[in-house]
Amino acid sequence: MHSFNLLIAVHVAGKDAFVGRWRAELWFNWMRRFRVKPSTHTFTALIAVCARLGDSAGAEFWYQLMEDEGCKPTRSTYDAM
């Protein structure tokens, strides 16, 4: 799981936020395909890239999915929003 989180975080932190978001979501889908449960860190990274792009609806989508998955937001999650 840590490997997926690292890949998502690296893509989110890249210079091109649009490409980073696309790649992060791609890795998230791979996590699902391999039945790897995403963590709060996974969702926080996805929320952060949406916020960086000014996509509040996207950030809200990931936040809701995070809650649906039973992950509890951290201070970092709220800071990202």
Protein backbone atom coordinates (compact mmCIF):
# COMPACT_ATOMS: atom_id res chain seq x y z
CA MET A 1 0.00 0.00 0.00
CA HIS A 2 2.81 2.41 0.80
CA SER A 3 4.12 2.08 -2.74
CA PHE A 4 0.79 3.19 -4.20
CA ASN A 5 0.60 6.11 -1.77
CA LEU A 6 4.12 7.15 -2.73
CA LEU A 7 3.33 7.02 -6.44
CA ILE A 8 0.20 9.09 -5.94
CA ALA A 9 2.06 11.64 -3.79
CA VAL A 10 4.87 11.98 -6.34
CA HIS A 11 2.45 12.65 -9.18
CA VAL A 12 0.45 15.12 -7.11
CA ALA A 13 3.60 17.07 -6.23
CA GLY A 14 4.71 17.40 -9.86
CA LYS A 15 4.90 20.67 -11.76
CA ASP A 16 1.94 19.94 -14.04
CA ALA A 17 -1.07 19.55 -11.76
CA PHE A 18 -3.37 18.38 -14.57
CA VAL A 19 -1.06 15.51 -15.51
CA GLY A 20 -0.41 14.80 -11.83
CA ARG A 21 -4.11 14.50 -11.13
CA TRP A 22 -4.65 12.18 -14.08
CA ARG A 23 -1.77 9.93 -13.01
CA ALA A 24 -2.78 9.97 -9.34
CA GLU A 25 -6.31 8.92 -10.26
CA LEU A 26 -4.87 6.22 -12.52
CA TRP A 27 -2.85 4.81 -9.60
CA PHE A 28 -5.91 5.05 -7.36
CA ASN A 29 -7.83 2.91 -9.86
CA TRP A 30 -4.96 0.39 -9.87
CA MET A 31 -5.20 0.25 -6.10
CA ARG A 32 -8.87 -0.63 -6.42
CA ARG A 33 -8.16 -3.21 -9.09
CA PHE A 34 -5.68 -4.98 -6.81
CA ARG A 35 -8.03 -4.62 -3.84
CA VAL A 36 -5.66 -2.36 -1.92
CA LYS A 37 -7.57 -0.25 0.59
CA PRO A 38 -6.75 3.44 0.22
CA SER A 39 -5.66 5.31 3.32
CA THR A 40 -6.29 8.81 4.58
CA HIS A 41 -2.95 9.77 3.01
CA THR A 42 -4.16 8.55 -0.38
CA PHE A 43 -7.32 10.64 -0.23
CA THR A 44 -5.52 13.67 1.18
CA ALA A 45 -3.13 13.64 -1.80
CA LEU A 46 -6.06 13.47 -4.24
CA ILE A 47 -7.90 16.26 -2.40
CA ALA A 48 -4.73 18.37 -2.46
CA VAL A 49 -4.30 18.11 -6.22
CA CYS A 50 -7.94 19.07 -6.76
CA ALA A 51 -7.50 22.07 -4.49
CA ARG A 52 -4.33 23.03 -6.36
CA LEU A 53 -6.36 23.07 -9.58
CA GLY A 54 -9.20 25.03 -7.96
CA ASP A 55 -11.56 22.07 -8.39
CA SER A 56 -13.68 22.25 -5.25
CA ALA A 57 -16.18 19.71 -6.62
CA GLY A 58 -13.36 17.22 -7.19
CA ALA A 59 -11.99 17.80 -3.69
CA GLU A 60 -15.47 17.31 -2.26
CA PHE A 61 -15.88 14.07 -4.27
CA TRP A 62 -12.65 12.60 -2.84
CA TYR A 63 -13.53 13.78 0.66
CA GLN A 64 -16.92 12.08 0.49
CA LEU A 65 -15.38 8.90 -0.88
CA MET A 66 -12.82 9.01 1.92
CA GLU A 67 -15.60 9.11 4.51
CA ASP A 68 -17.52 6.37 2.68
CA GLU A 69 -14.39 4.19 2.85
CA GLY A 70 -14.18 4.72 6.61
CA CYS A 71 -11.03 6.86 6.56
CA LYS A 72 -10.91 9.69 9.06
CA PRO A 73 -9.65 13.07 7.85
CA THR A 74 -6.57 14.53 9.48
CA ARG A 75 -5.47 18.10 9.90
CA SER A 76 -3.53 17.70 6.65
CA THR A 77 -6.75 16.73 4.89
CA TYR A 78 -8.49 19.90 6.09
CA ASP A 79 -5.43 22.01 5.23
CA ALA A 80 -5.49 20.60 1.70
CA MET A 81 -9.08 21.70 1.27
